[in-house]
């Protein structure tokens, strides 16, 4: 099993155990691949939920650019909801897991078709 497959398994485990979700493995794989090389870097693989700049990056680079959503307060609320689902006290919020949850929340699986 390659490094990416190991990471996808870790993300699936987080979705099951920490987020109480049963992941669509095909979509999770596509979201993970979409994150590119950032998943291999300890700093960029996770999201620092307490840093406003990180929230803006998720909103602008993922929700608006990747998923094609329009800017509005619902985007920030959805990000906060994803952080809450993951667990505020969870130190390592993996980018691919948060992106997966946001993709499902907005029903934008087609962005990975």
N, C-alpha and C. Protein backbone atom coordinates (compact mmCIF):
# COMPACT_ATOMS: atom_id res chain seq x y z
N UNK A 1 0.85 -1.18 0.00
CA UNK A 1 0.00 0.00 0.00
C UNK A 1 0.89 1.23 0.00
N UNK A 2 0.57 2.19 -0.87
CA UNK A 2 1.35 3.41 -0.98
C UNK A 2 1.01 4.40 0.10
N UNK A 3 1.80 5.45 0.18
CA UNK A 3 1.62 6.50 1.19
C UNK A 3 0.24 7.14 1.08
N UNK A 4 -0.19 7.43 -0.16
CA UNK A 4 -1.49 8.06 -0.33
C UNK A 4 -2.61 7.15 0.16
N UNK A 5 -2.52 5.86 -0.13
CA UNK A 5 -3.55 4.92 0.33
C UNK A 5 -3.58 4.85 1.86
N UNK A 6 -2.41 4.92 2.48
CA UNK A 6 -2.35 4.92 3.95
C UNK A 6 -3.04 6.16 4.50
N UNK A 7 -2.81 7.31 3.87
CA UNK A 7 -3.44 8.55 4.31
C UNK A 7 -4.95 8.49 4.13
N UNK A 8 -5.40 7.94 3.01
CA UNK A 8 -6.85 7.83 2.76
C UNK A 8 -7.48 6.95 3.83
N UNK A 9 -6.81 5.87 4.21
CA UNK A 9 -7.31 5.00 5.29
C UNK A 9 -7.39 5.78 6.61
N UNK A 10 -6.38 6.59 6.88
CA UNK A 10 -6.38 7.41 8.11
C UNK A 10 -7.54 8.40 8.08
N UNK A 11 -7.78 9.01 6.93
CA UNK A 11 -8.87 9.98 6.80
C UNK A 11 -10.22 9.28 6.98
N UNK A 12 -10.36 8.10 6.40
CA UNK A 12 -11.61 7.34 6.54
C UNK A 12 -11.83 6.98 8.01
N UNK A 13 -10.76 6.62 8.69
CA UNK A 13 -10.84 6.29 10.11
C UNK A 13 -11.31 7.50 10.92
N UNK A 14 -10.77 8.68 10.61
CA UNK A 14 -11.19 9.90 11.30
C UNK A 14 -12.67 10.18 11.03
N UNK A 15 -13.10 10.02 9.78
CA UNK A 15 -14.51 10.26 9.46
C UNK A 15 -15.42 9.32 10.24
N UNK A 16 -15.02 8.07 10.36
CA UNK A 16 -15.84 7.09 11.09
C UNK A 16 -15.83 7.36 12.59
N UNK A 17 -14.63 7.48 13.17
CA UNK A 17 -14.51 7.54 14.63
C UNK A 17 -14.71 8.93 15.22
N UNK A 18 -14.22 9.95 14.56
CA UNK A 18 -14.28 11.30 15.13
C UNK A 18 -15.47 12.11 14.64
N UNK A 19 -15.92 11.81 13.42
CA UNK A 19 -17.01 12.60 12.82
C UNK A 19 -18.31 11.82 12.73
N UNK A 20 -18.26 10.54 13.10
CA UNK A 20 -19.45 9.69 13.08
C UNK A 20 -20.11 9.65 11.69
N UNK A 21 -19.26 9.52 10.66
CA UNK A 21 -19.74 9.47 9.28
C UNK A 21 -19.22 8.19 8.63
N UNK A 22 -20.00 7.63 7.74
CA UNK A 22 -19.55 6.48 6.96
C UNK A 22 -19.13 7.01 5.59
N UNK A 23 -17.82 7.12 5.35
CA UNK A 23 -17.36 7.80 4.13
C UNK A 23 -17.61 7.03 2.83
N UNK A 24 -17.88 7.79 1.79
CA UNK A 24 -17.92 7.29 0.43
C UNK A 24 -16.45 7.25 0.01
N UNK A 25 -15.87 6.05 -0.03
CA UNK A 25 -14.43 5.92 -0.25
C UNK A 25 -13.98 6.45 -1.61
N UNK A 26 -14.84 6.32 -2.63
CA UNK A 26 -14.49 6.84 -3.95
C UNK A 26 -14.36 8.36 -3.91
N UNK A 27 -15.33 9.02 -3.26
CA UNK A 27 -15.27 10.48 -3.14
C UNK A 27 -14.09 10.90 -2.26
N UNK A 28 -13.87 10.20 -1.17
CA UNK A 28 -12.75 10.53 -0.29
C UNK A 28 -11.43 10.43 -1.04
N UNK A 29 -11.29 9.41 -1.86
CA UNK A 29 -10.07 9.25 -2.66
C UNK A 29 -9.91 10.44 -3.61
N UNK A 30 -10.99 10.86 -4.27
CA UNK A 30 -10.93 11.98 -5.21
C UNK A 30 -10.61 13.29 -4.50
N UNK A 31 -11.21 13.50 -3.33
CA UNK A 31 -10.94 14.72 -2.57
C UNK A 31 -9.47 14.74 -2.13
N UNK A 32 -8.98 13.60 -1.68
CA UNK A 32 -7.59 13.50 -1.24
C UNK A 32 -6.64 13.79 -2.39
N UNK A 33 -6.90 13.20 -3.55
CA UNK A 33 -6.06 13.45 -4.73
C UNK A 33 -6.12 14.93 -5.11
N UNK A 34 -7.31 15.52 -4.96
CA UNK A 34 -7.49 16.94 -5.27
C UNK A 34 -6.68 17.87 -4.37
N UNK A 35 -6.33 17.39 -3.19
CA UNK A 35 -5.51 18.19 -2.26
C UNK A 35 -4.07 18.29 -2.73
N UNK A 36 -3.70 17.40 -3.65
CA UNK A 36 -2.35 17.43 -4.21
C UNK A 36 -1.28 17.09 -3.19
N UNK A 37 -0.08 17.61 -3.40
CA UNK A 37 1.04 17.26 -2.53
C UNK A 37 0.92 17.78 -1.11
N UNK A 38 -0.04 18.65 -0.84
CA UNK A 38 -0.19 19.21 0.51
C UNK A 38 -0.43 18.12 1.56
N UNK A 39 -0.98 16.97 1.14
CA UNK A 39 -1.28 15.91 2.12
C UNK A 39 -0.02 15.26 2.69
N UNK A 40 1.10 15.47 2.03
CA UNK A 40 2.36 14.85 2.48
C UNK A 40 3.17 15.76 3.39
N UNK A 41 2.73 17.00 3.56
CA UNK A 41 3.43 17.96 4.40
C UNK A 41 2.65 18.12 5.71
N UNK A 42 3.31 17.90 6.83
CA UNK A 42 2.63 17.92 8.13
C UNK A 42 1.87 19.22 8.38
N UNK A 43 2.42 20.35 7.94
CA UNK A 43 1.78 21.64 8.18
C UNK A 43 0.57 21.85 7.27
N UNK A 44 0.73 21.58 5.98
CA UNK A 44 -0.36 21.85 5.05
C UNK A 44 -1.41 20.74 5.02
N UNK A 45 -1.11 19.58 5.57
CA UNK A 45 -2.06 18.47 5.58
C UNK A 45 -3.19 18.70 6.58
N UNK A 46 -2.94 19.59 7.54
CA UNK A 46 -3.95 19.87 8.56
C UNK A 46 -4.40 21.32 8.47
N UNK A 47 -5.53 21.61 9.10
CA UNK A 47 -6.08 22.95 9.12
C UNK A 47 -6.06 23.44 10.56
N UNK A 48 -5.47 24.61 10.77
CA UNK A 48 -5.46 25.22 12.10
C UNK A 48 -6.76 26.00 12.25
N UNK A 49 -7.76 25.36 12.83
CA UNK A 49 -9.10 25.94 12.92
C UNK A 49 -9.14 27.24 13.71
N UNK A 50 -8.17 27.45 14.59
CA UNK A 50 -8.17 28.66 15.42
C UNK A 50 -7.57 29.87 14.70
N UNK A 51 -7.00 29.65 13.52
CA UNK A 51 -6.40 30.76 12.78
C UNK A 51 -7.35 31.27 11.70
N UNK A 52 -7.79 32.53 11.82
CA UNK A 52 -8.73 33.09 10.84
C UNK A 52 -8.23 32.99 9.40
N UNK A 53 -6.93 33.12 9.19
CA UNK A 53 -6.37 33.02 7.85
C UNK A 53 -6.62 31.66 7.22
N UNK A 54 -6.57 30.62 8.05
CA UNK A 54 -6.83 29.26 7.56
C UNK A 54 -8.28 29.11 7.11
N UNK A 55 -9.18 29.67 7.88
CA UNK A 55 -10.61 29.61 7.54
C UNK A 55 -10.85 30.32 6.21
N UNK A 56 -10.21 31.47 6.03
CA UNK A 56 -10.32 32.22 4.77
C UNK A 56 -9.78 31.41 3.59
N UNK A 57 -8.66 30.72 3.82
CA UNK A 57 -8.07 29.90 2.76
C UNK A 57 -9.03 28.79 2.35
N UNK A 58 -9.63 28.12 3.33
CA UNK A 58 -10.60 27.06 3.02
C UNK A 58 -11.77 27.64 2.24
N UNK A 59 -12.26 28.79 2.70
CA UNK A 59 -13.41 29.41 2.04
C UNK A 59 -13.07 29.82 0.61
N UNK A 60 -11.97 30.57 0.44
CA UNK A 60 -11.65 31.11 -0.89
C UNK A 60 -11.11 30.06 -1.86
N UNK A 61 -10.16 29.28 -1.41
CA UNK A 61 -9.51 28.34 -2.32
C UNK A 61 -10.28 27.05 -2.54
N UNK A 62 -11.08 26.65 -1.56
CA UNK A 62 -11.81 25.41 -1.74
C UNK A 62 -13.29 25.64 -2.07
N UNK A 63 -14.00 26.28 -1.17
CA UNK A 63 -15.45 26.42 -1.38
C UNK A 63 -15.79 27.28 -2.60
N UNK A 64 -15.08 28.39 -2.77
CA UNK A 64 -15.41 29.30 -3.88
C UNK A 64 -14.74 28.85 -5.18
N UNK A 65 -13.42 28.62 -5.15
CA UNK A 65 -12.71 28.27 -6.39
C UNK A 65 -12.97 26.83 -6.83
N UNK A 66 -12.83 25.87 -5.92
CA UNK A 66 -12.96 24.46 -6.31
C UNK A 66 -14.43 24.04 -6.47
N UNK A 67 -15.24 24.34 -5.45
CA UNK A 67 -16.64 23.89 -5.51
C UNK A 67 -17.54 24.86 -6.25
N UNK A 68 -17.06 26.07 -6.55
CA UNK A 68 -17.84 27.03 -7.32
C UNK A 68 -19.00 27.66 -6.58
N UNK A 69 -18.88 27.76 -5.26
CA UNK A 69 -19.95 28.36 -4.46
C UNK A 69 -19.80 29.87 -4.42
N UNK A 70 -20.90 30.56 -4.18
CA UNK A 70 -20.88 32.02 -4.05
C UNK A 70 -20.56 32.39 -2.61
N UNK A 71 -19.79 33.46 -2.44
CA UNK A 71 -19.41 33.90 -1.11
C UNK A 71 -20.64 34.35 -0.33
N UNK A 72 -20.64 34.04 0.94
CA UNK A 72 -21.72 34.44 1.82
C UNK A 72 -21.49 33.87 3.21
N UNK A 73 -22.28 34.33 4.18
CA UNK A 73 -22.07 33.87 5.56
C UNK A 73 -22.25 32.36 5.73
N UNK A 74 -23.03 31.73 4.85
CA UNK A 74 -23.24 30.28 4.98
C UNK A 74 -21.95 29.48 4.78
N UNK A 75 -21.00 30.05 4.04
CA UNK A 75 -19.73 29.35 3.84
C UNK A 75 -18.93 29.28 5.13
N UNK A 76 -18.81 30.41 5.81
CA UNK A 76 -18.12 30.43 7.10
C UNK A 76 -18.81 29.55 8.12
N UNK A 77 -20.14 29.59 8.10
CA UNK A 77 -20.91 28.76 9.03
C UNK A 77 -20.67 27.27 8.77
N UNK A 78 -20.61 26.90 7.49
CA UNK A 78 -20.38 25.49 7.13
C UNK A 78 -19.00 25.03 7.57
N UNK A 79 -18.00 25.91 7.43
CA UNK A 79 -16.64 25.56 7.87
C UNK A 79 -16.63 25.35 9.38
N UNK A 80 -17.26 26.26 10.11
CA UNK A 80 -17.33 26.13 11.57
C UNK A 80 -18.06 24.85 11.97
N UNK A 81 -19.11 24.52 11.23
CA UNK A 81 -19.87 23.30 11.50
C UNK A 81 -18.99 22.06 11.27
N UNK A 82 -18.19 22.09 10.22
CA UNK A 82 -17.27 20.98 9.94
C UNK A 82 -16.26 20.83 11.07
N UNK A 83 -15.73 21.96 11.55
CA UNK A 83 -14.77 21.93 12.67
C UNK A 83 -15.44 21.37 13.92
N UNK A 84 -16.69 21.76 14.14
CA UNK A 84 -17.44 21.28 15.30
C UNK A 84 -17.66 19.77 15.20
N UNK A 85 -18.03 19.30 14.01
CA UNK A 85 -18.24 17.87 13.79
C UNK A 85 -16.95 17.10 14.03
N UNK A 86 -15.85 17.64 13.56
CA UNK A 86 -14.54 16.99 13.71
C UNK A 86 -14.14 16.95 15.19
N UNK A 87 -14.57 18.00 15.92
CA UNK A 87 -14.24 18.10 17.34
C UNK A 87 -13.31 19.26 17.56
N UNK A 88 -13.79 20.25 18.28
CA UNK A 88 -12.99 21.45 18.54
C UNK A 88 -11.65 21.10 19.20
N UNK A 89 -11.66 20.10 20.06
CA UNK A 89 -10.43 19.76 20.78
C UNK A 89 -9.49 18.89 19.95
N UNK A 90 -9.96 18.43 18.79
CA UNK A 90 -9.11 17.61 17.91
C UNK A 90 -8.03 18.49 17.30
N UNK A 91 -6.81 18.22 17.67
CA UNK A 91 -5.69 19.07 17.24
C UNK A 91 -5.40 18.93 15.75
N UNK A 92 -5.41 17.72 15.24
CA UNK A 92 -5.12 17.49 13.82
C UNK A 92 -6.39 17.33 13.02
N UNK A 93 -6.83 18.41 12.43
CA UNK A 93 -7.99 18.36 11.54
C UNK A 93 -7.42 18.25 10.12
N UNK A 94 -7.50 17.05 9.58
CA UNK A 94 -6.93 16.83 8.25
C UNK A 94 -7.72 17.58 7.19
N UNK A 95 -6.99 18.27 6.33
CA UNK A 95 -7.57 19.06 5.25
C UNK A 95 -8.52 18.22 4.39
N UNK A 96 -8.08 17.02 4.00
CA UNK A 96 -8.91 16.17 3.14
C UNK A 96 -10.22 15.79 3.82
N UNK A 97 -10.19 15.59 5.13
CA UNK A 97 -11.42 15.22 5.87
C UNK A 97 -12.37 16.41 5.90
N UNK A 98 -11.86 17.59 6.20
CA UNK A 98 -12.70 18.80 6.24
C UNK A 98 -13.27 19.07 4.84
N UNK A 99 -12.44 18.95 3.81
CA UNK A 99 -12.91 19.18 2.44
C UNK A 99 -13.97 18.16 2.06
N UNK A 100 -13.79 16.93 2.47
CA UNK A 100 -14.79 15.88 2.20
C UNK A 100 -16.13 16.27 2.83
N UNK A 101 -16.09 16.65 4.12
CA UNK A 101 -17.33 17.01 4.81
C UNK A 101 -18.02 18.19 4.14
N UNK A 102 -17.24 19.19 3.71
CA UNK A 102 -17.82 20.36 3.05
C UNK A 102 -18.40 20.00 1.68
N UNK A 103 -17.72 19.13 0.97
CA UNK A 103 -18.22 18.67 -0.34
C UNK A 103 -19.57 17.99 -0.16
N UNK A 104 -19.67 17.12 0.84
CA UNK A 104 -20.94 16.42 1.11
C UNK A 104 -22.02 17.41 1.56
N UNK A 105 -21.66 18.33 2.45
CA UNK A 105 -22.63 19.28 2.99
C UNK A 105 -23.30 20.08 1.88
N UNK A 106 -22.49 20.54 0.92
CA UNK A 106 -23.03 21.37 -0.16
C UNK A 106 -23.49 20.54 -1.36
N UNK A 107 -23.38 19.21 -1.28
CA UNK A 107 -23.82 18.35 -2.39
C UNK A 107 -23.06 18.62 -3.67
N UNK A 108 -21.76 18.90 -3.55
CA UNK A 108 -20.96 19.26 -4.72
C UNK A 108 -20.02 18.15 -5.17
N UNK A 109 -20.46 16.92 -5.00
CA UNK A 109 -19.65 15.78 -5.43
C UNK A 109 -19.30 15.86 -6.91
N UNK A 110 -20.14 16.55 -7.68
CA UNK A 110 -19.91 16.69 -9.11
C UNK A 110 -18.60 17.43 -9.43
N UNK A 111 -18.08 18.18 -8.47
CA UNK A 111 -16.81 18.90 -8.67
C UNK A 111 -15.67 17.89 -8.85
N UNK A 112 -15.90 16.64 -8.42
CA UNK A 112 -14.88 15.60 -8.53
C UNK A 112 -15.23 14.53 -9.57
N UNK A 113 -16.21 14.83 -10.42
CA UNK A 113 -16.63 13.83 -11.42
C UNK A 113 -15.57 13.63 -12.49
